[in-house]
């Protein structure tokens, strides 16, 4: 079996679609994970830097309320988080 096939089989699949987009926008806004957690708390979401890191790394699922909260906290649309389309709020 070629090595690329073995890597594909052993690589865990991400559990969410928005992780890379969250990280990219957070870094573009020069926010730490703690600062993003503070923004999320304004929308009633209590996610600490550990949970945000898990989301960014695709290791934690995201529920719909969190998806909307991330969009608001980062100033982007839900569509942009899900699909990577340009869609700032």
C-alpha atoms as a PDB file:
ATOM      1  CA  UNK A   1       0.000   0.000   0.000  1.00  0.00           C
ATOM      2  CA  UNK A   2       1.431   3.417  -0.923  1.00  0.00           C
ATOM      3  CA  UNK A   3       2.373   5.669   1.986  1.00  0.00           C
ATOM      4  CA  UNK A   4      -0.181   8.323   0.984  1.00  0.00           C
ATOM      5  CA  UNK A   5      -2.981   5.737   1.350  1.00  0.00           C
ATOM      6  CA  UNK A   6      -1.704   4.715   4.778  1.00  0.00           C
ATOM      7  CA  UNK A   7      -1.596   8.356   5.884  1.00  0.00           C
ATOM      8  CA  UNK A   8      -5.134   8.912   4.686  1.00  0.00           C
ATOM      9  CA  UNK A   9      -6.371   5.866   6.593  1.00  0.00           C
ATOM     10  CA  UNK A  10      -4.616   6.807   9.829  1.00  0.00           C
ATOM     11  CA  UNK A  11      -5.377  10.540   9.732  1.00  0.00           C
ATOM     12  CA  UNK A  12      -8.401  11.294  11.881  1.00  0.00           C
ATOM     13  CA  UNK A  13     -11.189  13.128  10.116  1.00  0.00           C
ATOM     14  CA  UNK A  14     -12.047  16.564  11.522  1.00  0.00           C
ATOM     15  CA  UNK A  15     -15.257  16.729  13.533  1.00  0.00           C
ATOM     16  CA  UNK A  16     -16.215  20.200  12.288  1.00  0.00           C
ATOM     17  CA  UNK A  17     -15.950  22.316   9.140  1.00  0.00           C
ATOM     18  CA  UNK A  18     -15.200  25.698  10.672  1.00  0.00           C
ATOM     19  CA  UNK A  19     -11.948  25.104  12.558  1.00  0.00           C
ATOM     20  CA  UNK A  20      -9.521  26.316   9.876  1.00  0.00           C
ATOM     21  CA  UNK A  21     -11.689  29.359   9.132  1.00  0.00           C
ATOM     22  CA  UNK A  22     -11.927  30.279  12.834  1.00  0.00           C
ATOM     23  CA  UNK A  23      -8.158  30.066  13.245  1.00  0.00           C
ATOM     24  CA  UNK A  24      -7.458  32.017  10.046  1.00  0.00           C
ATOM     25  CA  UNK A  25      -9.788  34.881  10.963  1.00  0.00           C
ATOM     26  CA  UNK A  26      -8.727  34.925  14.625  1.00  0.00           C
ATOM     27  CA  UNK A  27      -5.091  35.260  13.580  1.00  0.00           C
ATOM     28  CA  UNK A  28      -5.967  37.854  10.935  1.00  0.00           C
ATOM     29  CA  UNK A  29      -7.665  39.915  13.662  1.00  0.00           C
ATOM     30  CA  UNK A  30      -4.592  39.397  15.900  1.00  0.00           C
ATOM     31  CA  UNK A  31      -6.706  37.792  18.610  1.00  0.00           C
ATOM     32  CA  UNK A  32      -5.501  35.193  21.077  1.00  0.00           C
ATOM     33  CA  UNK A  33      -7.757  32.259  21.845  1.00  0.00           C
ATOM     34  CA  UNK A  34      -8.442  33.870  25.247  1.00  0.00           C
ATOM     35  CA  UNK A  35      -9.486  37.121  23.573  1.00  0.00           C
ATOM     36  CA  UNK A  36     -11.807  35.224  21.243  1.00  0.00           C
ATOM     37  CA  UNK A  37     -13.248  33.451  24.293  1.00  0.00           C
ATOM     38  CA  UNK A  38     -14.008  36.881  25.753  1.00  0.00           C
ATOM     39  CA  UNK A  39     -15.816  37.932  22.592  1.00  0.00           C
ATOM     40  CA  UNK A  40     -17.800  34.684  22.586  1.00  0.00           C
ATOM     41  CA  UNK A  41     -18.870  35.228  26.198  1.00  0.00           C
ATOM     42  CA  UNK A  42     -20.660  38.426  25.082  1.00  0.00           C
ATOM     43  CA  UNK A  43     -22.956  36.131  23.086  1.00  0.00           C
ATOM     44  CA  UNK A  44     -23.546  33.776  26.010  1.00  0.00           C
ATOM     45  CA  UNK A  45     -20.973  31.173  24.961  1.00  0.00           C
ATOM     46  CA  UNK A  46     -18.551  29.972  27.601  1.00  0.00           C
ATOM     47  CA  UNK A  47     -15.717  28.419  25.610  1.00  0.00           C
ATOM     48  CA  UNK A  48     -12.198  28.625  27.014  1.00  0.00           C
ATOM     49  CA  UNK A  49      -8.956  28.625  25.019  1.00  0.00           C
ATOM     50  CA  UNK A  50      -8.700  24.827  25.294  1.00  0.00           C
ATOM     51  CA  UNK A  51     -12.097  24.287  23.655  1.00  0.00           C
ATOM     52  CA  UNK A  52     -11.352  26.917  21.008  1.00  0.00           C
ATOM     53  CA  UNK A  53      -8.075  25.120  20.239  1.00  0.00           C
ATOM     54  CA  UNK A  54      -9.941  21.827  19.929  1.00  0.00           C
ATOM     55  CA  UNK A  55     -12.398  23.436  17.516  1.00  0.00           C
ATOM     56  CA  UNK A  56      -9.597  25.005  15.466  1.00  0.00           C
ATOM     57  CA  UNK A  57      -7.872  21.616  15.273  1.00  0.00           C
ATOM     58  CA  UNK A  58     -11.063  19.798  14.252  1.00  0.00           C
ATOM     59  CA  UNK A  59     -11.190  17.754  17.465  1.00  0.00           C
ATOM     60  CA  UNK A  60     -14.431  19.145  18.889  1.00  0.00           C
ATOM     61  CA  UNK A  61     -17.876  19.369  17.353  1.00  0.00           C
ATOM     62  CA  UNK A  62     -19.635  22.722  17.071  1.00  0.00           C
ATOM     63  CA  UNK A  63     -23.349  23.174  17.744  1.00  0.00           C
ATOM     64  CA  UNK A  64     -25.484  25.674  15.862  1.00  0.00           C
ATOM     65  CA  UNK A  65     -25.487  28.305  18.628  1.00  0.00           C
ATOM     66  CA  UNK A  66     -21.686  28.180  18.730  1.00  0.00           C
ATOM     67  CA  UNK A  67     -21.525  28.554  14.952  1.00  0.00           C
ATOM     68  CA  UNK A  68     -23.591  31.739  15.116  1.00  0.00           C
ATOM     69  CA  UNK A  69     -21.529  33.001  18.062  1.00  0.00           C
ATOM     70  CA  UNK A  70     -18.248  32.464  16.216  1.00  0.00           C
ATOM     71  CA  UNK A  71     -19.614  34.305  13.190  1.00  0.00           C
ATOM     72  CA  UNK A  72     -20.649  37.292  15.314  1.00  0.00           C
ATOM     73  CA  UNK A  73     -17.465  37.321  17.395  1.00  0.00           C
ATOM     74  CA  UNK A  74     -15.277  37.240  14.277  1.00  0.00           C
ATOM     75  CA  UNK A  75     -17.436  39.590  12.179  1.00  0.00           C
ATOM     76  CA  UNK A  76     -18.061  37.099   9.389  1.00  0.00           C
ATOM     77  CA  UNK A  77     -21.099  35.257   8.078  1.00  0.00           C
ATOM     78  CA  UNK A  78     -22.044  31.700   8.962  1.00  0.00           C
ATOM     79  CA  UNK A  79     -21.720  30.940   5.246  1.00  0.00           C
ATOM     80  CA  UNK A  80     -18.107  32.142   5.281  1.00  0.00           C
ATOM     81  CA  UNK A  81     -17.287  29.937   8.264  1.00  0.00           C
ATOM     82  CA  UNK A  82     -18.835  26.900   6.596  1.00  0.00           C
ATOM     83  CA  UNK A  83     -17.742  27.451   3.009  1.00  0.00           C
ATOM     84  CA  UNK A  84     -14.907  29.951   3.052  1.00  0.00           C
ATOM     85  CA  UNK A  85     -16.844  32.436   0.953  1.00  0.00           C
ATOM     86  CA  UNK A  86     -16.267  36.140   1.348  1.00  0.00           C
ATOM     87  CA  UNK A  87     -19.186  37.242   3.438  1.00  0.00           C
ATOM     88  CA  UNK A  88     -18.376  39.692   6.228  1.00  0.00           C
ATOM     89  CA  UNK A  89     -21.315  40.811   8.341  1.00  0.00           C
END
